[in-house]
């Protein structure tokens, strides 16, 4: 009978190994929660960048900015600042004006 009482006592109070296993499980769960939180933050940041990009595209369309305008500015810079003869020739060919 003594042995059955001691077994019940053992069942009620966990061994130190069980306590450490519980602590490890709690630590793993806490890490999972932190990872979930950072994933949420990353997705919110991505959403913010997407909204900003869409807003900039809408502004560019509203003000009539086209990719050809940006190309023209790049060619002018290459012709005048970098001294590229090819860029100057392309500007003359496209616009028919002096660079």
PDB file of N, CA and C in Angstrom:
ATOM      1  N   UNK A   1       0.813  -1.191   0.000  1.00  0.00           N
ATOM      2  CA  UNK A   1       0.000   0.000   0.000  1.00  0.00           C
ATOM      3  C   UNK A   1       0.857   1.256   0.000  1.00  0.00           C
ATOM      4  N   UNK A   2       1.963   1.187   0.622  1.00  0.00           N
ATOM      5  CA  UNK A   2       2.855   2.330   0.620  1.00  0.00           C
ATOM      6  C   UNK A   2       3.289   2.708  -0.788  1.00  0.00           C
ATOM      7  N   UNK A   3       3.518   1.693  -1.600  1.00  0.00           N
ATOM      8  CA  UNK A   3       3.990   1.974  -2.956  1.00  0.00           C
ATOM      9  C   UNK A   3       2.916   2.682  -3.782  1.00  0.00           C
ATOM     10  N   UNK A   4       1.631   2.348  -3.580  1.00  0.00           N
ATOM     11  CA  UNK A   4       0.572   3.008  -4.344  1.00  0.00           C
ATOM     12  C   UNK A   4       0.430   4.471  -3.933  1.00  0.00           C
ATOM     13  N   UNK A   5       0.614   4.767  -2.639  1.00  0.00           N
ATOM     14  CA  UNK A   5       0.546   6.165  -2.197  1.00  0.00           C
ATOM     15  C   UNK A   5       1.689   6.977  -2.795  1.00  0.00           C
ATOM     16  N   UNK A   6       2.859   6.395  -2.851  1.00  0.00           N
ATOM     17  CA  UNK A   6       3.990   7.131  -3.406  1.00  0.00           C
ATOM     18  C   UNK A   6       3.801   7.363  -4.907  1.00  0.00           C
ATOM     19  N   UNK A   7       3.175   6.417  -5.603  1.00  0.00           N
ATOM     20  CA  UNK A   7       2.920   6.620  -7.028  1.00  0.00           C
ATOM     21  C   UNK A   7       1.946   7.776  -7.233  1.00  0.00           C
ATOM     22  N   UNK A   8       0.918   7.861  -6.387  1.00  0.00           N
ATOM     23  CA  UNK A   8      -0.016   8.975  -6.499  1.00  0.00           C
ATOM     24  C   UNK A   8       0.693  10.300  -6.228  1.00  0.00           C
ATOM     25  N   UNK A   9       1.598  10.297  -5.268  1.00  0.00           N
ATOM     26  CA  UNK A   9       2.367  11.497  -4.980  1.00  0.00           C
ATOM     27  C   UNK A   9       3.226  11.908  -6.155  1.00  0.00           C
ATOM     28  N   UNK A  10       3.781  10.933  -6.828  1.00  0.00           N
ATOM     29  CA  UNK A  10       4.608  11.228  -7.990  1.00  0.00           C
ATOM     30  C   UNK A  10       3.753  11.792  -9.120  1.00  0.00           C
ATOM     31  N   UNK A  11       2.558  11.283  -9.288  1.00  0.00           N
ATOM     32  CA  UNK A  11       1.681  11.779 -10.343  1.00  0.00           C
ATOM     33  C   UNK A  11       1.253  13.223 -10.079  1.00  0.00           C
ATOM     34  N   UNK A  12       1.063  13.578  -8.823  1.00  0.00           N
ATOM     35  CA  UNK A  12       0.618  14.930  -8.508  1.00  0.00           C
ATOM     36  C   UNK A  12       1.723  15.966  -8.690  1.00  0.00           C
ATOM     37  N   UNK A  13       2.948  15.608  -8.383  1.00  0.00           N
ATOM     38  CA  UNK A  13       4.058  16.551  -8.451  1.00  0.00           C
ATOM     39  C   UNK A  13       5.014  16.115  -9.555  1.00  0.00           C
ATOM     40  N   UNK A  14       5.149  16.914 -10.595  1.00  0.00           N
ATOM     41  CA  UNK A  14       5.991  16.494 -11.721  1.00  0.00           C
ATOM     42  C   UNK A  14       7.473  16.484 -11.359  1.00  0.00           C
ATOM     43  N   UNK A  15       8.197  15.639 -12.049  1.00  0.00           N
ATOM     44  CA  UNK A  15       9.650  15.591 -11.875  1.00  0.00           C
ATOM     45  C   UNK A  15      10.270  16.863 -12.447  1.00  0.00           C
ATOM     46  N   UNK A  16      11.485  17.171 -12.024  1.00  0.00           N
ATOM     47  CA  UNK A  16      12.168  18.342 -12.594  1.00  0.00           C
ATOM     48  C   UNK A  16      12.320  18.246 -14.120  1.00  0.00           C
ATOM     49  N   UNK A  17      12.450  17.025 -14.657  1.00  0.00           N
ATOM     50  CA  UNK A  17      12.556  16.870 -16.111  1.00  0.00           C
ATOM     51  C   UNK A  17      11.267  17.350 -16.781  1.00  0.00           C
ATOM     52  N   UNK A  18      10.154  17.035 -16.177  1.00  0.00           N
ATOM     53  CA  UNK A  18       8.871  17.449 -16.737  1.00  0.00           C
ATOM     54  C   UNK A  18       8.735  18.970 -16.683  1.00  0.00           C
ATOM     55  N   UNK A  19       9.202  19.571 -15.606  1.00  0.00           N
ATOM     56  CA  UNK A  19       9.150  21.026 -15.477  1.00  0.00           C
ATOM     57  C   UNK A  19      10.011  21.667 -16.556  1.00  0.00           C
ATOM     58  N   UNK A  20      11.199  21.123 -16.779  1.00  0.00           N
ATOM     59  CA  UNK A  20      12.063  21.698 -17.812  1.00  0.00           C
ATOM     60  C   UNK A  20      11.461  21.490 -19.201  1.00  0.00           C
ATOM     61  N   UNK A  21      10.784  20.354 -19.400  1.00  0.00           N
ATOM     62  CA  UNK A  21      10.121  20.124 -20.685  1.00  0.00           C
ATOM     63  C   UNK A  21       9.001  21.142 -20.891  1.00  0.00           C
ATOM     64  N   UNK A  22       8.258  21.432 -19.822  1.00  0.00           N
ATOM     65  CA  UNK A  22       7.212  22.454 -19.917  1.00  0.00           C
ATOM     66  C   UNK A  22       7.806  23.829 -20.220  1.00  0.00           C
ATOM     67  N   UNK A  23       8.942  24.137 -19.588  1.00  0.00           N
ATOM     68  CA  UNK A  23       9.597  25.420 -19.829  1.00  0.00           C
ATOM     69  C   UNK A  23      10.066  25.520 -21.277  1.00  0.00           C
ATOM     70  N   UNK A  24      10.615  24.414 -21.813  1.00  0.00           N
ATOM     71  CA  UNK A  24      11.042  24.415 -23.214  1.00  0.00           C
ATOM     72  C   UNK A  24       9.853  24.620 -24.147  1.00  0.00           C
ATOM     73  N   UNK A  25       8.753  23.950 -23.845  1.00  0.00           N
ATOM     74  CA  UNK A  25       7.556  24.087 -24.677  1.00  0.00           C
ATOM     75  C   UNK A  25       7.031  25.522 -24.645  1.00  0.00           C
ATOM     76  N   UNK A  26       7.060  26.136 -23.463  1.00  0.00           N
ATOM     77  CA  UNK A  26       6.604  27.525 -23.357  1.00  0.00           C
ATOM     78  C   UNK A  26       7.528  28.462 -24.130  1.00  0.00           C
ATOM     79  N   UNK A  27       8.843  28.207 -24.065  1.00  0.00           N
ATOM     80  CA  UNK A  27       9.796  29.039 -24.798  1.00  0.00           C
ATOM     81  C   UNK A  27       9.583  28.904 -26.305  1.00  0.00           C
ATOM     82  N   UNK A  28       9.339  27.677 -26.779  1.00  0.00           N
ATOM     83  CA  UNK A  28       9.079  27.472 -28.206  1.00  0.00           C
ATOM     84  C   UNK A  28       7.816  28.206 -28.642  1.00  0.00           C
ATOM     85  N   UNK A  29       6.796  28.162 -27.813  1.00  0.00           N
ATOM     86  CA  UNK A  29       5.547  28.849 -28.145  1.00  0.00           C
ATOM     87  C   UNK A  29       5.754  30.358 -28.199  1.00  0.00           C
ATOM     88  N   UNK A  30       6.570  30.876 -27.280  1.00  0.00           N
ATOM     89  CA  UNK A  30       6.844  32.308 -27.276  1.00  0.00           C
ATOM     90  C   UNK A  30       7.589  32.713 -28.546  1.00  0.00           C
ATOM     91  N   UNK A  31       8.538  31.883 -28.987  1.00  0.00           N
ATOM     92  CA  UNK A  31       9.269  32.166 -30.223  1.00  0.00           C
ATOM     93  C   UNK A  31       8.315  32.144 -31.410  1.00  0.00           C
ATOM     94  N   UNK A  32       7.397  31.171 -31.434  1.00  0.00           N
ATOM     95  CA  UNK A  32       6.420  31.108 -32.521  1.00  0.00           C
ATOM     96  C   UNK A  32       5.565  32.368 -32.551  1.00  0.00           C
ATOM     97  N   UNK A  33       5.179  32.851 -31.381  1.00  0.00           N
ATOM     98  CA  UNK A  33       4.368  34.068 -31.321  1.00  0.00           C
ATOM     99  C   UNK A  33       5.143  35.266 -31.851  1.00  0.00           C
ATOM    100  N   UNK A  34       6.446  35.350 -31.528  1.00  0.00           N
ATOM    101  CA  UNK A  34       7.261  36.449 -32.020  1.00  0.00           C
ATOM    102  C   UNK A  34       7.410  36.383 -33.531  1.00  0.00           C
ATOM    103  N   UNK A  35       7.578  35.178 -34.079  1.00  0.00           N
ATOM    104  CA  UNK A  35       7.703  35.020 -35.524  1.00  0.00           C
ATOM    105  C   UNK A  35       6.406  35.428 -36.205  1.00  0.00           C
ATOM    106  N   UNK A  36       5.274  35.038 -35.629  1.00  0.00           N
ATOM    107  CA  UNK A  36       3.989  35.424 -36.206  1.00  0.00           C
ATOM    108  C   UNK A  36       3.837  36.938 -36.196  1.00  0.00           C
ATOM    109  N   UNK A  37       4.273  37.561 -35.127  1.00  0.00           N
ATOM    110  CA  UNK A  37       4.166  39.008 -35.024  1.00  0.00           C
ATOM    111  C   UNK A  37       5.033  39.682 -36.084  1.00  0.00           C
ATOM    112  N   UNK A  38       6.265  39.186 -36.277  1.00  0.00           N
ATOM    113  CA  UNK A  38       7.122  39.815 -37.267  1.00  0.00           C
ATOM    114  C   UNK A  38       6.587  39.571 -38.675  1.00  0.00           C
ATOM    115  N   UNK A  39       5.968  38.420 -38.932  1.00  0.00           N
ATOM    116  CA  UNK A  39       5.354  38.185 -40.238  1.00  0.00           C
ATOM    117  C   UNK A  39       4.226  39.185 -40.470  1.00  0.00           C
ATOM    118  N   UNK A  40       3.464  39.451 -39.433  1.00  0.00           N
ATOM    119  CA  UNK A  40       2.374  40.420 -39.549  1.00  0.00           C
ATOM    120  C   UNK A  40       2.932  41.803 -39.852  1.00  0.00           C
ATOM    121  N   UNK A  41       3.986  42.177 -39.161  1.00  0.00           N
ATOM    122  CA  UNK A  41       4.597  43.481 -39.409  1.00  0.00           C
ATOM    123  C   UNK A  41       5.137  43.576 -40.826  1.00  0.00           C
ATOM    124  N   UNK A  42       5.763  42.488 -41.311  1.00  0.00           N
ATOM    125  CA  UNK A  42       6.286  42.499 -42.680  1.00  0.00           C
ATOM    126  C   UNK A  42       5.161  42.632 -43.693  1.00  0.00           C
ATOM    127  N   UNK A  43       4.067  41.935 -43.462  1.00  0.00           N
ATOM    128  CA  UNK A  43       2.959  42.020 -44.422  1.00  0.00           C
ATOM    129  C   UNK A  43       2.342  43.412 -44.404  1.00  0.00           C
ATOM    130  N   UNK A  44       2.279  44.035 -43.239  1.00  0.00           N
ATOM    131  CA  UNK A  44       1.769  45.412 -43.159  1.00  0.00           C
ATOM    132  C   UNK A  44       2.717  46.360 -43.892  1.00  0.00           C
ATOM    133  N   UNK A  45       4.025  46.139 -43.748  1.00  0.00           N
ATOM    134  CA  UNK A  45       4.994  46.986 -44.448  1.00  0.00           C
ATOM    135  C   UNK A  45       4.872  46.815 -45.958  1.00  0.00           C
ATOM    136  N   UNK A  46       4.707  45.573 -46.411  1.00  0.00           N
ATOM    137  CA  UNK A  46       4.524  45.336 -47.849  1.00  0.00           C
ATOM    138  C   UNK A  46       3.264  46.036 -48.363  1.00  0.00           C
ATOM    139  N   UNK A  47       2.212  45.966 -47.591  1.00  0.00           N
ATOM    140  CA  UNK A  47       0.972  46.630 -47.980  1.00  0.00           C
ATOM    141  C   UNK A  47       1.191  48.138 -48.083  1.00  0.00           C
ATOM    142  N   UNK A  48       1.937  48.691 -47.143  1.00  0.00           N
ATOM    143  CA  UNK A  48       2.243  50.122 -47.178  1.00  0.00           C
ATOM    144  C   UNK A  48       3.028  50.508 -48.422  1.00  0.00           C
ATOM    145  N   UNK A  49       4.042  49.702 -48.782  1.00  0.00           N
ATOM    146  CA  UNK A  49       4.818  49.983 -49.991  1.00  0.00           C
ATOM    147  C   UNK A  49       3.948  49.872 -51.237  1.00  0.00           C
ATOM    148  N   UNK A  50       3.052  48.891 -51.262  1.00  0.00           N
ATOM    149  CA  UNK A  50       2.158  48.729 -52.415  1.00  0.00           C
ATOM    150  C   UNK A  50       1.232  49.935 -52.558  1.00  0.00           C
ATOM    151  N   UNK A  51       0.707  50.418 -51.438  1.00  0.00           N
ATOM    152  CA  UNK A  51      -0.168  51.598 -51.471  1.00  0.00           C
ATOM    153  C   UNK A  51       0.615  52.821 -51.937  1.00  0.00           C
ATOM    154  N   UNK A  52       1.837  52.982 -51.436  1.00  0.00           N
ATOM    155  CA  UNK A  52       2.666  54.115 -51.841  1.00  0.00           C
ATOM    156  C   UNK A  52       2.990  54.053 -53.333  1.00  0.00           C
ATOM    157  N   UNK A  53       3.343  52.874 -53.825  1.00  0.00           N
ATOM    158  CA  UNK A  53       3.639  52.726 -55.248  1.00  0.00           C
ATOM    159  C   UNK A  53       2.438  53.033 -56.112  1.00  0.00           C
ATOM    160  N   UNK A  54       1.276  52.559 -55.693  1.00  0.00           N
ATOM    161  CA  UNK A  54       0.050  52.845 -56.446  1.00  0.00           C
ATOM    162  C   UNK A  54      -0.243  54.343 -56.455  1.00  0.00           C
ATOM    163  N   UNK A  55      -0.055  54.981 -55.318  1.00  0.00           N
ATOM    164  CA  UNK A  55      -0.283  56.425 -55.216  1.00  0.00           C
ATOM    165  C   UNK A  55       0.658  57.182 -56.149  1.00  0.00           C
ATOM    166  N   UNK A  56       1.926  56.775 -56.193  1.00  0.00           N
ATOM    167  CA  UNK A  56       2.883  57.454 -57.067  1.00  0.00           C
ATOM    168  C   UNK A  56       2.539  57.255 -58.541  1.00  0.00           C
ATOM    169  N   UNK A  57       2.086  56.054 -58.893  1.00  0.00           N
ATOM    170  CA  UNK A  57       1.673  55.822 -60.282  1.00  0.00           C
ATOM    171  C   UNK A  57       0.459  56.674 -60.653  1.00  0.00           C
ATOM    172  N   UNK A  58      -0.474  56.804 -59.728  1.00  0.00           N
ATOM    173  CA  UNK A  58      -1.652  57.646 -59.982  1.00  0.00           C
ATOM    174  C   UNK A  58      -1.232  59.105 -60.151  1.00  0.00           C
ATOM    175  N   UNK A  59      -0.314  59.569 -59.298  1.00  0.00           N
ATOM    176  CA  UNK A  59       0.179  60.948 -59.432  1.00  0.00           C
ATOM    177  C   UNK A  59       0.893  61.154 -60.760  1.00  0.00           C
ATOM    178  N   UNK A  60       1.718  60.186 -61.154  1.00  0.00           N
ATOM    179  CA  UNK A  60       2.439  60.304 -62.421  1.00  0.00           C
ATOM    180  C   UNK A  60       1.458  60.356 -63.589  1.00  0.00           C
ATOM    181  N   UNK A  61       0.418  59.543 -63.538  1.00  0.00           N
ATOM    182  CA  UNK A  61      -0.583  59.555 -64.610  1.00  0.00           C
ATOM    183  C   UNK A  61      -1.364  60.870 -64.610  1.00  0.00           C
ATOM    184  N   UNK A  62      -1.650  61.404 -63.432  1.00  0.00           N
ATOM    185  CA  UNK A  62      -2.410  62.651 -63.332  1.00  0.00           C
ATOM    186  C   UNK A  62      -1.633  63.817 -63.929  1.00  0.00           C
ATOM    187  N   UNK A  63      -0.327  63.867 -63.657  1.00  0.00           N
ATOM    188  CA  UNK A  63       0.487  64.972 -64.148  1.00  0.00           C
ATOM    189  C   UNK A  63       1.038  64.720 -65.548  1.00  0.00           C
ATOM    190  N   UNK A  64       0.689  63.599 -66.145  1.00  0.00           N
ATOM    191  CA  UNK A  64       1.081  63.329 -67.526  1.00  0.00           C
ATOM    192  C   UNK A  64       2.527  62.913 -67.705  1.00  0.00           C
ATOM    193  N   UNK A  65       3.120  62.356 -66.682  1.00  0.00           N
ATOM    194  CA  UNK A  65       4.500  61.893 -66.792  1.00  0.00           C
ATOM    195  C   UNK A  65       4.487  60.555 -67.515  1.00  0.00           C
ATOM    196  N   UNK A  66       5.320  60.446 -68.539  1.00  0.00           N
ATOM    197  CA  UNK A  66       5.408  59.181 -69.268  1.00  0.00           C
ATOM    198  C   UNK A  66       6.835  58.665 -69.201  1.00  0.00           C
ATOM    199  N   UNK A  67       7.001  57.430 -69.579  1.00  0.00           N
ATOM    200  CA  UNK A  67       8.341  56.849 -69.557  1.00  0.00           C
ATOM    201  C   UNK A  67       9.236  57.505 -70.606  1.00  0.00           C
ATOM    202  N   UNK A  68       8.639  57.999 -71.685  1.00  0.00           N
ATOM    203  CA  UNK A  68       9.448  58.665 -72.709  1.00  0.00           C
ATOM    204  C   UNK A  68      10.051  59.961 -72.158  1.00  0.00           C
ATOM    205  N   UNK A  69       9.338  60.636 -71.250  1.00  0.00           N
ATOM    206  CA  UNK A  69       9.890  61.837 -70.617  1.00  0.00           C
ATOM    207  C   UNK A  69      11.136  61.486 -69.809  1.00  0.00           C
ATOM    208  N   UNK A  70      11.048  60.399 -69.067  1.00  0.00           N
ATOM    209  CA  UNK A  70      12.202  59.979 -68.269  1.00  0.00           C
ATOM    210  C   UNK A  70      13.350  59.560 -69.171  1.00  0.00           C
ATOM    211  N   UNK A  71      13.035  58.910 -70.285  1.00  0.00           N
ATOM    212  CA  UNK A  71      14.058  58.494 -71.244  1.00  0.00           C
ATOM    213  C   UNK A  71      14.732  59.722 -71.847  1.00  0.00           C
ATOM    214  N   UNK A  72      13.942  60.735 -72.171  1.00  0.00           N
ATOM    215  CA  UNK A  72      14.482  61.972 -72.748  1.00  0.00           C
ATOM    216  C   UNK A  72      15.424  62.648 -71.755  1.00  0.00           C
ATOM    217  N   UNK A  73      15.030  62.708 -70.498  1.00  0.00           N
ATOM    218  CA  UNK A  73      15.888  63.325 -69.480  1.00  0.00           C
ATOM    219  C   UNK A  73      17.189  62.553 -69.328  1.00  0.00           C
ATOM    220  N   UNK A  74      17.108  61.224 -69.414  1.00  0.00           N
ATOM    221  CA  UNK A  74      18.315  60.398 -69.309  1.00  0.00           C
ATOM    222  C   UNK A  74      19.243  60.664 -70.492  1.00  0.00           C
ATOM    223  N   UNK A  75      18.666  60.791 -71.683  1.00  0.00           N
ATOM    224  CA  UNK A  75      19.476  61.059 -72.869  1.00  0.00           C
ATOM    225  C   UNK A  75      20.131  62.438 -72.795  1.00  0.00           C
ATOM    226  N   UNK A  76      19.383  63.429 -72.339  1.00  0.00           N
ATOM    227  CA  UNK A  76      19.940  64.784 -72.210  1.00  0.00           C
ATOM    228  C   UNK A  76      21.091  64.784 -71.215  1.00  0.00           C
ATOM    229  N   UNK A  77      20.908  64.086 -70.114  1.00  0.00           N
ATOM    230  CA  UNK A  77      21.979  63.998 -69.124  1.00  0.00           C
ATOM    231  C   UNK A  77      23.200  63.309 -69.724  1.00  0.00           C
ATOM    232  N   UNK A  78      22.982  62.229 -70.460  1.00  0.00           N
ATOM    233  CA  UNK A  78      24.101  61.499 -71.054  1.00  0.00           C
ATOM    234  C   UNK A  78      24.822  62.350 -72.091  1.00  0.00           C
ATOM    235  N   UNK A  79      24.078  63.159 -72.810  1.00  0.00           N
ATOM    236  CA  UNK A  79      24.682  63.992 -73.853  1.00  0.00           C
ATOM    237  C   UNK A  79      25.475  65.150 -73.257  1.00  0.00           C
ATOM    238  N   UNK A  80      24.864  65.901 -72.360  1.00  0.00           N
ATOM    239  CA  UNK A  80      25.484  67.130 -71.861  1.00  0.00           C
ATOM    240  C   UNK A  80      26.459  66.900 -70.717  1.00  0.00           C
ATOM    241  N   UNK A  81      26.100  66.033 -69.777  1.00  0.00           N
ATOM    242  CA  UNK A  81      26.945  65.853 -68.598  1.00  0.00           C
ATOM    243  C   UNK A  81      28.028  64.813 -68.859  1.00  0.00           C
ATOM    244  N   UNK A  82      27.630  63.650 -69.396  1.00  0.00           N
ATOM    245  CA  UNK A  82      28.594  62.576 -69.604  1.00  0.00           C
ATOM    246  C   UNK A  82      29.342  62.725 -70.925  1.00  0.00           C
ATOM    247  N   UNK A  83      28.841  63.548 -71.822  1.00  0.00           N
ATOM    248  CA  UNK A  83      29.518  63.767 -73.099  1.00  0.00           C
ATOM    249  C   UNK A  83      29.420  62.578 -74.038  1.00  0.00           C
ATOM    250  N   UNK A  84      28.300  61.892 -74.022  1.00  0.00           N
ATOM    251  CA  UNK A  84      28.109  60.725 -74.884  1.00  0.00           C
ATOM    252  C   UNK A  84      27.616  61.176 -76.258  1.00  0.00           C
ATOM    253  N   UNK A  85      28.411  60.896 -77.289  1.00  0.00           N
ATOM    254  CA  UNK A  85      28.043  61.293 -78.649  1.00  0.00           C
ATOM    255  C   UNK A  85      26.840  60.494 -79.142  1.00  0.00           C
ATOM    256  N   UNK A  86      26.732  59.247 -78.715  1.00  0.00           N
ATOM    257  CA  UNK A  86      25.596  58.416 -79.134  1.00  0.00           C
ATOM    258  C   UNK A  86      24.283  58.995 -78.612  1.00  0.00           C
ATOM    259  N   UNK A  87      24.306  59.462 -77.365  1.00  0.00           N
ATOM    260  CA  UNK A  87      23.095  60.046 -76.788  1.00  0.00           C
ATOM    261  C   UNK A  87      22.721  61.329 -77.513  1.00  0.00           C
ATOM    262  N   UNK A  88      23.721  62.139 -77.861  1.00  0.00           N
ATOM    263  CA  UNK A  88      23.435  63.384 -78.589  1.00  0.00           C
ATOM    264  C   UNK A  88      22.844  63.088 -79.964  1.00  0.00           C
ATOM    265  N   UNK A  89      23.382  62.077 -80.637  1.00  0.00           N
ATOM    266  CA  UNK A  89      22.862  61.710 -81.958  1.00  0.00           C
ATOM    267  C   UNK A  89      21.432  61.190 -81.854  1.00  0.00           C
ATOM    268  N   UNK A  90      21.142  60.448 -80.805  1.00  0.00           N
ATOM    269  CA  UNK A  90      19.784  59.925 -80.636  1.00  0.00           C
ATOM    270  C   UNK A  90      18.800  61.048 -80.337  1.00  0.00           C
ATOM    271  N   UNK A  91      19.237  62.047 -79.584  1.00  0.00           N
ATOM    272  CA  UNK A  91      18.362  63.195 -79.307  1.00  0.00           C
ATOM    273  C   UNK A  91      18.058  63.933 -80.611  1.00  0.00           C
ATOM    274  N   UNK A  92      19.078  64.130 -81.450  1.00  0.00           N
ATOM    275  CA  UNK A  92      18.866  64.806 -82.733  1.00  0.00           C
ATOM    276  C   UNK A  92      17.907  64.012 -83.607  1.00  0.00           C
ATOM    277  N   UNK A  93      18.070  62.704 -83.602  1.00  0.00           N
ATOM    278  CA  UNK A  93      17.224  61.858 -84.438  1.00  0.00           C
ATOM    279  C   UNK A  93      15.775  61.886 -83.965  1.00  0.00           C
ATOM    280  N   UNK A  94      15.564  61.826 -82.659  1.00  0.00           N
ATOM    281  CA  UNK A  94      14.193  61.784 -82.123  1.00  0.00           C
ATOM    282  C   UNK A  94      13.486  63.129 -82.246  1.00  0.00           C
ATOM    283  N   UNK A  95      14.157  64.182 -81.800  1.00  0.00           N
ATOM    284  CA  UNK A  95      13.491  65.475 -81.689  1.00  0.00           C
ATOM    285  C   UNK A  95      13.730  66.371 -82.894  1.00  0.00           C
ATOM    286  N   UNK A  96      14.815  66.132 -83.602  1.00  0.00           N
ATOM    287  CA  UNK A  96      15.138  67.009 -84.722  1.00  0.00           C
ATOM    288  C   UNK A  96      15.648  68.351 -84.250  1.00  0.00           C
ATOM    289  N   UNK A  97      16.070  68.429 -82.986  1.00  0.00           N
ATOM    290  CA  UNK A  97      16.560  69.685 -82.414  1.00  0.00           C
ATOM    291  C   UNK A  97      18.014  69.515 -82.002  1.00  0.00           C
ATOM    292  N   UNK A  98      18.650  70.680 -81.792  1.00  0.00           N
ATOM    293  CA  UNK A  98      20.047  70.633 -81.329  1.00  0.00           C
ATOM    294  C   UNK A  98      20.081  70.275 -79.858  1.00  0.00           C
ATOM    295  N   UNK A  99      20.983  69.408 -79.468  1.00  0.00           N
ATOM    296  CA  UNK A  99      21.108  69.074 -78.035  1.00  0.00           C
ATOM    297  C   UNK A  99      21.816  70.167 -77.264  1.00  0.00           C
TER     298      UNK A  99
END
